[in-house]
């Protein structure tokens, strides 16, 4: 998506760049925002704002070089992406937790899934879950604690325990 700057901003930015290059040659270094602002006749804060908006975004679809077919987006890492090890660990953990949940009845499973967001949604409050089941939040808390106790017992009986911390809610 293209972002267009107003014409008056483009004019100010080009003037700022031109004066900045000229001052760099004269001073032998980059001029400060204050020096540049004094020369152009605008506040130093405005100079830093103009510098910020003048940064040209790079397209992720742009080739890295003229002779290379690799695009910029192919080499930029995704900080949020999980490593293959993390994906495998999460899959194994889901499978083991899924096996543990078999000790619960359907109602308890639904409560645990909704309370902790195991159904892919965000975790719900005791009040929200209570409304869905037509009971008070106190009753949901009691049922949740019963379910968590069952899960703890099942977890302690397993030969190889899963690295999971079950919350305690008073």
N, C-alpha and C. Protein backbone atom coordinates (compact mmCIF):
# COMPACT_ATOMS: atom_id res chain seq x y z
N UNK A 1 0.85 -1.17 0.00
CA UNK A 1 0.00 0.00 0.00
C UNK A 1 0.90 1.24 0.00
N UNK A 2 0.61 2.14 -0.86
CA UNK A 2 1.41 3.36 -0.99
C UNK A 2 0.92 4.42 -0.03
N UNK A 3 1.86 5.07 0.63
CA UNK A 3 1.53 6.17 1.54
C UNK A 3 2.02 7.45 0.88
N UNK A 4 1.11 8.36 0.63
CA UNK A 4 1.47 9.61 -0.03
C UNK A 4 1.57 10.73 0.99
N UNK A 5 2.62 11.51 0.84
CA UNK A 5 2.81 12.67 1.71
C UNK A 5 2.26 13.90 1.01
N UNK A 6 1.73 14.85 1.78
CA UNK A 6 1.27 16.10 1.17
C UNK A 6 2.42 16.83 0.48
N UNK A 7 2.08 17.59 -0.56
CA UNK A 7 3.09 18.27 -1.37
C UNK A 7 3.95 19.21 -0.53
N UNK A 8 3.33 19.94 0.40
CA UNK A 8 4.12 20.88 1.20
C UNK A 8 5.15 20.16 2.07
N UNK A 9 4.82 18.94 2.52
CA UNK A 9 5.80 18.16 3.30
C UNK A 9 6.93 17.67 2.41
N UNK A 10 6.60 17.24 1.21
CA UNK A 10 7.62 16.78 0.28
C UNK A 10 8.59 17.91 -0.02
N UNK A 11 8.05 19.12 -0.20
CA UNK A 11 8.90 20.29 -0.46
C UNK A 11 9.83 20.57 0.72
N UNK A 12 9.27 20.54 1.94
CA UNK A 12 10.10 20.79 3.13
C UNK A 12 11.18 19.72 3.29
N UNK A 13 10.81 18.48 3.03
CA UNK A 13 11.77 17.37 3.17
C UNK A 13 12.90 17.53 2.16
N UNK A 14 12.57 17.86 0.92
CA UNK A 14 13.64 18.01 -0.09
C UNK A 14 14.52 19.20 0.24
N UNK A 15 13.94 20.30 0.75
CA UNK A 15 14.75 21.46 1.15
C UNK A 15 15.66 21.06 2.31
N UNK A 16 15.10 20.31 3.28
CA UNK A 16 15.88 19.88 4.43
C UNK A 16 17.05 18.99 3.99
N UNK A 17 16.81 18.08 3.07
CA UNK A 17 17.88 17.20 2.58
C UNK A 17 18.97 18.00 1.86
N UNK A 18 18.53 18.93 1.03
CA UNK A 18 19.46 19.75 0.26
C UNK A 18 20.35 20.57 1.21
N UNK A 19 19.73 21.23 2.18
CA UNK A 19 20.47 22.05 3.15
C UNK A 19 21.37 21.16 4.01
N UNK A 20 20.89 19.99 4.37
CA UNK A 20 21.66 19.06 5.19
C UNK A 20 22.93 18.63 4.47
N UNK A 21 22.82 18.31 3.17
CA UNK A 21 23.99 17.93 2.39
C UNK A 21 24.99 19.08 2.31
N UNK A 22 24.46 20.27 2.07
CA UNK A 22 25.31 21.46 1.97
C UNK A 22 26.04 21.70 3.30
N UNK A 23 25.31 21.62 4.41
CA UNK A 23 25.91 21.84 5.72
C UNK A 23 26.92 20.74 6.07
N UNK A 24 26.64 19.51 5.64
CA UNK A 24 27.57 18.40 5.89
C UNK A 24 28.91 18.66 5.23
N UNK A 25 28.86 19.21 4.01
CA UNK A 25 30.11 19.52 3.30
C UNK A 25 30.86 20.65 4.01
N UNK A 26 30.11 21.66 4.46
CA UNK A 26 30.74 22.81 5.13
C UNK A 26 31.32 22.43 6.49
N UNK A 27 30.53 21.66 7.27
CA UNK A 27 30.94 21.33 8.64
C UNK A 27 31.86 20.11 8.72
N UNK A 28 31.81 19.26 7.71
CA UNK A 28 32.59 18.03 7.74
C UNK A 28 31.94 16.95 8.60
N UNK A 29 30.70 17.15 8.96
CA UNK A 29 29.92 16.19 9.75
C UNK A 29 28.44 16.45 9.49
N UNK A 30 27.61 15.53 9.99
CA UNK A 30 26.16 15.72 9.87
C UNK A 30 25.72 16.86 10.78
N UNK A 31 24.90 17.78 10.29
CA UNK A 31 24.41 18.85 11.17
C UNK A 31 23.40 18.30 12.17
N UNK A 32 23.36 18.91 13.35
CA UNK A 32 22.37 18.51 14.35
C UNK A 32 21.01 19.04 13.93
N UNK A 33 19.97 18.53 14.57
CA UNK A 33 18.62 19.01 14.25
C UNK A 33 18.49 20.51 14.54
N UNK A 34 19.15 20.97 15.60
CA UNK A 34 19.09 22.39 15.96
C UNK A 34 19.75 23.24 14.88
N UNK A 35 20.95 22.82 14.43
CA UNK A 35 21.65 23.57 13.39
C UNK A 35 20.85 23.60 12.09
N UNK A 36 20.29 22.46 11.75
CA UNK A 36 19.49 22.36 10.53
C UNK A 36 18.24 23.22 10.64
N UNK A 37 17.60 23.18 11.80
CA UNK A 37 16.40 23.98 12.02
C UNK A 37 16.68 25.47 11.94
N UNK A 38 17.82 25.90 12.51
CA UNK A 38 18.20 27.31 12.45
C UNK A 38 18.43 27.75 11.01
N UNK A 39 19.07 26.90 10.23
CA UNK A 39 19.38 27.22 8.84
C UNK A 39 18.11 27.31 7.99
N UNK A 40 17.17 26.40 8.21
CA UNK A 40 15.94 26.36 7.42
C UNK A 40 14.90 27.33 7.97
N UNK A 41 14.95 27.57 9.28
CA UNK A 41 13.99 28.46 9.90
C UNK A 41 12.80 27.74 10.50
N UNK A 42 13.03 26.51 10.97
CA UNK A 42 11.97 25.75 11.66
C UNK A 42 12.52 25.18 12.96
N UNK A 43 11.63 24.79 13.85
CA UNK A 43 12.04 24.25 15.15
C UNK A 43 12.74 22.91 14.99
N UNK A 44 13.66 22.60 15.92
CA UNK A 44 14.41 21.34 15.84
C UNK A 44 13.49 20.13 15.98
N UNK A 45 12.42 20.27 16.76
CA UNK A 45 11.45 19.16 16.88
C UNK A 45 10.79 18.85 15.55
N UNK A 46 10.51 19.90 14.79
CA UNK A 46 9.90 19.72 13.46
C UNK A 46 10.88 19.05 12.51
N UNK A 47 12.18 19.39 12.66
CA UNK A 47 13.21 18.77 11.82
C UNK A 47 13.24 17.26 12.07
N UNK A 48 13.19 16.86 13.34
CA UNK A 48 13.22 15.41 13.64
C UNK A 48 11.96 14.72 13.13
N UNK A 49 10.82 15.42 13.19
CA UNK A 49 9.58 14.84 12.63
C UNK A 49 9.71 14.67 11.12
N UNK A 50 10.26 15.67 10.45
CA UNK A 50 10.45 15.58 8.99
C UNK A 50 11.39 14.44 8.64
N UNK A 51 12.44 14.26 9.45
CA UNK A 51 13.37 13.15 9.20
C UNK A 51 12.65 11.81 9.33
N UNK A 52 11.77 11.72 10.32
CA UNK A 52 11.04 10.47 10.55
C UNK A 52 10.12 10.15 9.38
N UNK A 53 9.35 11.14 8.91
CA UNK A 53 8.40 10.86 7.82
C UNK A 53 9.10 10.72 6.48
N UNK A 54 10.35 11.19 6.39
CA UNK A 54 11.05 11.12 5.11
C UNK A 54 11.72 9.77 4.87
N UNK A 55 11.74 8.92 5.87
CA UNK A 55 12.34 7.60 5.70
C UNK A 55 11.48 6.80 4.73
N UNK A 56 12.11 6.35 3.69
CA UNK A 56 11.37 5.62 2.66
C UNK A 56 11.24 4.16 3.07
N UNK A 57 10.01 3.63 3.05
CA UNK A 57 9.85 2.21 3.40
C UNK A 57 10.39 1.32 2.29
N UNK A 58 10.90 0.17 2.69
CA UNK A 58 11.40 -0.80 1.72
C UNK A 58 10.32 -1.83 1.45
N UNK A 59 10.16 -2.17 0.20
CA UNK A 59 9.18 -3.19 -0.18
C UNK A 59 9.74 -4.57 0.12
N UNK A 60 8.92 -5.42 0.70
CA UNK A 60 9.35 -6.79 0.97
C UNK A 60 9.43 -7.60 -0.32
N UNK A 61 8.79 -7.10 -1.39
CA UNK A 61 8.82 -7.79 -2.68
C UNK A 61 9.99 -7.35 -3.55
N UNK A 62 10.73 -6.36 -3.11
CA UNK A 62 11.84 -5.84 -3.91
C UNK A 62 13.00 -6.83 -3.90
N UNK A 63 13.66 -7.00 -5.07
CA UNK A 63 14.83 -7.88 -5.10
C UNK A 63 15.98 -7.27 -4.31
N UNK A 64 16.81 -8.13 -3.74
CA UNK A 64 17.93 -7.64 -2.93
C UNK A 64 18.97 -6.94 -3.80
N UNK A 65 19.26 -7.52 -4.95
CA UNK A 65 20.19 -6.89 -5.89
C UNK A 65 19.68 -7.12 -7.31
N UNK A 66 20.30 -6.45 -8.26
CA UNK A 66 19.84 -6.54 -9.65
C UNK A 66 20.00 -7.94 -10.23
N UNK A 67 21.06 -8.63 -9.85
CA UNK A 67 21.34 -9.95 -10.43
C UNK A 67 20.82 -11.11 -9.58
N UNK A 68 20.09 -10.80 -8.52
CA UNK A 68 19.61 -11.84 -7.60
C UNK A 68 18.09 -11.91 -7.65
N UNK A 69 17.55 -13.12 -7.65
CA UNK A 69 16.09 -13.27 -7.67
C UNK A 69 15.52 -13.33 -6.25
N UNK A 70 16.38 -13.30 -5.24
CA UNK A 70 15.92 -13.33 -3.85
C UNK A 70 15.29 -12.00 -3.49
N UNK A 71 14.11 -12.09 -2.86
CA UNK A 71 13.41 -10.87 -2.45
C UNK A 71 13.75 -10.55 -1.00
N UNK A 72 13.64 -9.28 -0.66
CA UNK A 72 13.95 -8.79 0.68
C UNK A 72 13.13 -9.52 1.74
N UNK A 73 11.86 -9.78 1.46
CA UNK A 73 10.96 -10.45 2.40
C UNK A 73 11.39 -11.86 2.75
N UNK A 74 12.17 -12.49 1.87
CA UNK A 74 12.62 -13.86 2.11
C UNK A 74 13.71 -13.94 3.18
N UNK A 75 14.44 -12.84 3.38
CA UNK A 75 15.54 -12.89 4.34
C UNK A 75 15.23 -12.17 5.65
N UNK A 76 14.11 -11.47 5.70
CA UNK A 76 13.73 -10.77 6.92
C UNK A 76 13.08 -11.77 7.86
N UNK A 77 13.62 -11.89 9.06
CA UNK A 77 13.10 -12.85 10.03
C UNK A 77 11.83 -12.36 10.70
N UNK A 78 10.97 -13.31 11.05
CA UNK A 78 9.75 -13.00 11.78
C UNK A 78 10.02 -13.28 13.25
N UNK A 79 10.04 -12.22 14.05
CA UNK A 79 10.35 -12.36 15.48
C UNK A 79 9.31 -13.19 16.22
N UNK A 80 8.08 -13.22 15.71
CA UNK A 80 7.00 -13.94 16.38
C UNK A 80 6.95 -15.41 15.98
N UNK A 81 7.63 -15.77 14.89
CA UNK A 81 7.57 -17.14 14.39
C UNK A 81 8.26 -18.10 15.36
N UNK A 82 7.67 -19.28 15.51
CA UNK A 82 8.26 -20.28 16.39
C UNK A 82 9.30 -21.09 15.62
N UNK A 83 10.31 -21.54 16.33
CA UNK A 83 11.31 -22.41 15.73
C UNK A 83 10.70 -23.80 15.57
N UNK A 84 11.27 -24.63 14.69
CA UNK A 84 10.75 -26.00 14.56
C UNK A 84 10.74 -26.75 15.89
N UNK A 85 11.75 -26.52 16.72
CA UNK A 85 11.79 -27.16 18.03
C UNK A 85 10.60 -26.73 18.88
N UNK A 86 10.30 -25.42 18.89
CA UNK A 86 9.17 -24.92 19.67
C UNK A 86 7.85 -25.47 19.16
N UNK A 87 7.72 -25.58 17.84
CA UNK A 87 6.49 -26.15 17.26
C UNK A 87 6.31 -27.60 17.69
N UNK A 88 7.39 -28.38 17.64
CA UNK A 88 7.33 -29.78 18.04
C UNK A 88 7.02 -29.91 19.53
N UNK A 89 7.67 -29.08 20.35
CA UNK A 89 7.42 -29.11 21.79
C UNK A 89 5.96 -28.79 22.09
N UNK A 90 5.43 -27.75 21.43
CA UNK A 90 4.04 -27.37 21.66
C UNK A 90 3.07 -28.46 21.22
N UNK A 91 3.39 -29.11 20.09
CA UNK A 91 2.52 -30.19 19.60
C UNK A 91 2.52 -31.35 20.59
N UNK A 92 3.70 -31.72 21.07
CA UNK A 92 3.79 -32.81 22.05
C UNK A 92 3.08 -32.45 23.34
N UNK A 93 3.23 -31.22 23.77
CA UNK A 93 2.58 -30.76 25.00
C UNK A 93 1.06 -30.81 24.84
N UNK A 94 0.56 -30.34 23.69
CA UNK A 94 -0.89 -30.39 23.43
C UNK A 94 -1.40 -31.83 23.45
N UNK A 95 -0.63 -32.74 22.84
CA UNK A 95 -1.04 -34.15 22.83
C UNK A 95 -1.08 -34.73 24.24
N UNK A 96 -0.07 -34.42 25.05
CA UNK A 96 -0.03 -34.95 26.41
C UNK A 96 -1.12 -34.34 27.28
N UNK A 97 -1.33 -33.03 27.13
CA UNK A 97 -2.39 -32.37 27.89
C UNK A 97 -3.75 -32.90 27.44
N UNK A 98 -3.89 -33.11 26.13
CA UNK A 98 -5.13 -33.68 25.60
C UNK A 98 -5.42 -35.04 26.21
N UNK A 99 -4.37 -35.86 26.37
CA UNK A 99 -4.54 -37.16 27.00
C UNK A 99 -4.93 -37.03 28.46
N UNK A 100 -4.38 -36.05 29.14
CA UNK A 100 -4.72 -35.82 30.55
C UNK A 100 -6.18 -35.41 30.70
N UNK A 101 -6.68 -34.62 29.75
CA UNK A 101 -8.05 -34.11 29.84
C UNK A 101 -9.10 -35.22 29.74
N UNK A 102 -8.68 -36.41 29.31
CA UNK A 102 -9.62 -37.52 29.22
C UNK A 102 -10.15 -37.95 30.58
N UNK A 103 -9.47 -37.57 31.66
CA UNK A 103 -9.95 -37.94 33.00
C UNK A 103 -11.13 -37.06 33.43
N UNK A 104 -11.41 -36.00 32.69
CA UNK A 104 -12.50 -35.08 33.04
C UNK A 104 -13.78 -35.45 32.31
N UNK A 105 -14.92 -35.13 32.92
CA UNK A 105 -16.18 -35.31 32.20
C UNK A 105 -16.35 -34.14 31.23
N UNK A 106 -17.35 -34.23 30.36
CA UNK A 106 -17.52 -33.22 29.30
C UNK A 106 -17.68 -31.80 29.85
N UNK A 107 -18.45 -31.66 30.91
CA UNK A 107 -18.69 -30.34 31.49
C UNK A 107 -17.39 -29.73 32.02
N UNK A 108 -16.61 -30.54 32.74
CA UNK A 108 -15.34 -30.06 33.29
C UNK A 108 -14.37 -29.69 32.16
N UNK A 109 -14.34 -30.51 31.11
CA UNK A 109 -13.48 -30.21 29.96
C UNK A 109 -13.84 -28.86 29.36
N UNK A 110 -15.14 -28.64 29.15
CA UNK A 110 -15.58 -27.38 28.55
C UNK A 110 -15.20 -26.19 29.42
N UNK A 111 -15.35 -26.36 30.72
CA UNK A 111 -14.99 -25.27 31.65
C UNK A 111 -13.49 -24.97 31.56
N UNK A 112 -12.66 -26.00 31.61
CA UNK A 112 -11.21 -25.82 31.55
C UNK A 112 -10.81 -25.20 30.20
N UNK A 113 -11.39 -25.71 29.11
CA UNK A 113 -11.08 -25.17 27.79
C UNK A 113 -11.41 -23.69 27.71
N UNK A 114 -12.58 -23.31 28.20
CA UNK A 114 -12.99 -21.91 28.11
C UNK A 114 -12.21 -21.02 29.08
N UNK A 115 -12.00 -21.49 30.28
CA UNK A 115 -11.30 -20.67 31.28
C UNK A 115 -9.86 -20.35 30.87
N UNK A 116 -9.19 -21.31 30.24
CA UNK A 116 -7.77 -21.13 29.92
C UNK A 116 -7.51 -20.93 28.43
N UNK A 117 -8.57 -20.77 27.63
CA UNK A 117 -8.40 -20.49 26.21
C UNK A 117 -7.82 -21.65 25.42
N UNK A 118 -8.04 -22.88 25.88
CA UNK A 118 -7.49 -24.04 25.18
C UNK A 118 -8.25 -24.34 23.89
N UNK A 119 -9.39 -23.68 23.70
CA UNK A 119 -10.18 -23.89 22.49
C UNK A 119 -9.75 -22.95 21.37
N UNK A 120 -8.62 -22.28 21.55
CA UNK A 120 -8.12 -21.36 20.54
C UNK A 120 -8.56 -19.92 20.76
N UNK A 121 -9.53 -19.70 21.63
CA UNK A 121 -9.99 -18.35 21.94
C UNK A 121 -9.19 -17.77 23.08
N UNK A 122 -9.62 -16.60 23.54
CA UNK A 122 -8.92 -16.03 24.69
C UNK A 122 -9.55 -16.58 25.97
N UNK A 123 -8.77 -16.66 27.04
CA UNK A 123 -9.31 -17.17 28.30
C UNK A 123 -10.50 -16.33 28.76
N UNK A 124 -11.51 -17.00 29.30
CA UNK A 124 -12.72 -16.32 29.75
C UNK A 124 -12.73 -16.22 31.27
N UNK A 125 -13.43 -15.24 31.78
CA UNK A 125 -13.54 -15.06 33.23
C UNK A 125 -14.52 -16.07 33.80
N UNK A 126 -14.48 -16.22 35.12
CA UNK A 126 -15.44 -17.10 35.80
C UNK A 126 -16.86 -16.66 35.47
N UNK A 127 -17.07 -15.35 35.45
CA UNK A 127 -18.40 -14.78 35.17
C UNK A 127 -18.88 -15.17 33.77
N UNK A 128 -18.00 -15.03 32.77
CA UNK A 128 -18.37 -15.35 31.38
C UNK A 128 -18.71 -16.83 31.23
N UNK A 129 -17.89 -17.69 31.82
CA UNK A 129 -18.15 -19.13 31.73
C UNK A 129 -19.43 -19.48 32.48
N UNK A 130 -19.64 -18.84 33.63
CA UNK A 130 -20.85 -19.08 34.41
C UNK A 130 -22.11 -18.76 33.62
N UNK A 131 -22.09 -17.66 32.87
CA UNK A 131 -23.25 -17.29 32.05
C UNK A 131 -23.54 -18.34 30.99
N UNK A 132 -22.49 -18.89 30.38
CA UNK A 132 -22.68 -19.91 29.34
C UNK A 132 -23.29 -21.19 29.91
N UNK A 133 -22.93 -21.51 31.15
CA UNK A 133 -23.44 -22.73 31.77
C UNK A 133 -24.69 -22.49 32.60
N UNK A 134 -25.05 -21.23 32.78
CA UNK A 134 -26.24 -20.91 33.56
C UNK A 134 -26.07 -21.12 35.05
N UNK A 135 -24.83 -20.94 35.53
CA UNK A 135 -24.55 -21.07 36.97
C UNK A 135 -23.73 -19.86 37.42
N UNK A 136 -23.52 -19.76 38.72
CA UNK A 136 -22.77 -18.62 39.25
C UNK A 136 -21.28 -18.79 39.00
N UNK A 137 -20.55 -17.69 39.10
CA UNK A 137 -19.10 -17.77 38.94
C UNK A 137 -18.48 -18.60 40.05
N UNK A 138 -19.08 -18.58 41.23
CA UNK A 138 -18.58 -19.37 42.35
C UNK A 138 -18.67 -20.86 42.01
N UNK A 139 -19.77 -21.27 41.39
CA UNK A 139 -19.93 -22.69 41.02
C UNK A 139 -18.91 -23.07 39.94
N UNK A 140 -18.64 -22.16 39.02
CA UNK A 140 -17.62 -22.43 37.99
C UNK A 140 -16.25 -22.57 38.65
N UNK A 141 -15.96 -21.71 39.62
CA UNK A 141 -14.68 -21.80 40.33
C UNK A 141 -14.55 -23.15 41.02
N UNK A 142 -15.64 -23.61 41.66
CA UNK A 142 -15.62 -24.91 42.34
C UNK A 142 -15.39 -26.04 41.33
N UNK A 143 -16.13 -26.01 40.22
CA UNK A 143 -15.98 -27.05 39.20
C UNK A 143 -14.58 -27.02 38.58
N UNK A 144 -14.07 -25.83 38.38
CA UNK A 144 -12.72 -25.68 37.83
C UNK A 144 -11.69 -26.29 38.78
N UNK A 145 -11.82 -26.01 40.07
CA UNK A 145 -10.87 -26.55 41.05
C UNK A 145 -10.98 -28.06 41.16
N UNK A 146 -12.19 -28.60 41.05
CA UNK A 146 -12.36 -30.06 41.04
C UNK A 146 -11.64 -30.65 39.83
N UNK A 147 -11.84 -30.01 38.67
CA UNK A 147 -11.20 -30.49 37.43
C UNK A 147 -9.68 -30.40 37.54
N UNK A 148 -9.17 -29.30 38.09
CA UNK A 148 -7.72 -29.15 38.23
C UNK A 148 -7.15 -30.18 39.20
N UNK A 149 -7.90 -30.52 40.24
CA UNK A 149 -7.46 -31.57 41.18
C UNK A 149 -7.37 -32.91 40.47
N UNK A 150 -8.37 -33.22 39.65
CA UNK A 150 -8.34 -34.47 38.87
C UNK A 150 -7.13 -34.49 37.94
N UNK A 151 -6.85 -33.35 37.31
CA UNK A 151 -5.71 -33.28 36.40
C UNK A 151 -4.39 -33.46 37.16
N UNK A 152 -4.29 -32.88 38.34
CA UNK A 152 -3.07 -33.04 39.16
C UNK A 152 -2.86 -34.50 39.53
N UNK A 153 -3.95 -35.17 39.93
CA UNK A 153 -3.84 -36.60 40.29
C UNK A 153 -3.40 -37.41 39.08
N UNK A 154 -4.01 -37.14 37.93
CA UNK A 154 -3.64 -37.88 36.72
C UNK A 154 -2.19 -37.59 36.33
N UNK A 155 -1.78 -36.37 36.52
CA UNK A 155 -0.42 -35.97 36.18
C UNK A 155 0.60 -36.65 37.10
N UNK A 156 0.28 -36.77 38.37
CA UNK A 156 1.21 -37.41 39.31
C UNK A 156 1.29 -38.91 39.08
N UNK A 157 0.27 -39.52 38.48
CA UNK A 157 0.27 -40.96 38.20
C UNK A 157 1.05 -41.30 36.93
N UNK A 158 1.26 -40.32 36.07
CA UNK A 158 1.99 -40.58 34.82
C UNK A 158 3.43 -40.93 35.13
N UNK A 159 4.01 -41.82 34.31
CA UNK A 159 5.41 -42.21 34.49
C UNK A 159 6.34 -41.02 34.21
N UNK A 160 6.06 -40.33 33.11
CA UNK A 160 6.89 -39.21 32.69
C UNK A 160 6.03 -37.96 32.73
N UNK A 161 6.12 -37.19 33.81
CA UNK A 161 5.24 -36.04 33.94
C UNK A 161 5.49 -34.98 32.87
N UNK A 162 4.43 -34.31 32.51
CA UNK A 162 4.48 -33.21 31.56
C UNK A 162 4.91 -31.96 32.31
N UNK A 163 5.68 -31.11 31.66
CA UNK A 163 6.15 -29.87 32.28
C UNK A 163 5.05 -28.81 32.18
N UNK A 164 4.05 -28.93 33.04
CA UNK A 164 2.91 -28.02 33.03
C UNK A 164 2.64 -27.57 34.46
N UNK A 165 2.40 -26.29 34.63
CA UNK A 165 2.00 -25.79 35.94
C UNK A 165 0.51 -25.55 35.91
N UNK A 166 -0.22 -26.21 36.79
CA UNK A 166 -1.66 -26.01 36.86
C UNK A 166 -1.96 -24.92 37.88
N UNK A 167 -2.73 -23.92 37.48
CA UNK A 167 -3.01 -22.81 38.40
C UNK A 167 -3.94 -23.21 39.52
N UNK A 168 -3.82 -22.50 40.62
CA UNK A 168 -4.71 -22.68 41.75
C UNK A 168 -5.46 -21.38 41.93
N UNK A 169 -6.78 -21.45 41.96
CA UNK A 169 -7.58 -20.25 42.13
C UNK A 169 -8.38 -20.37 43.40
N UNK A 170 -8.22 -19.43 44.28
CA UNK A 170 -8.90 -19.46 45.57
C UNK A 170 -10.27 -18.84 45.47
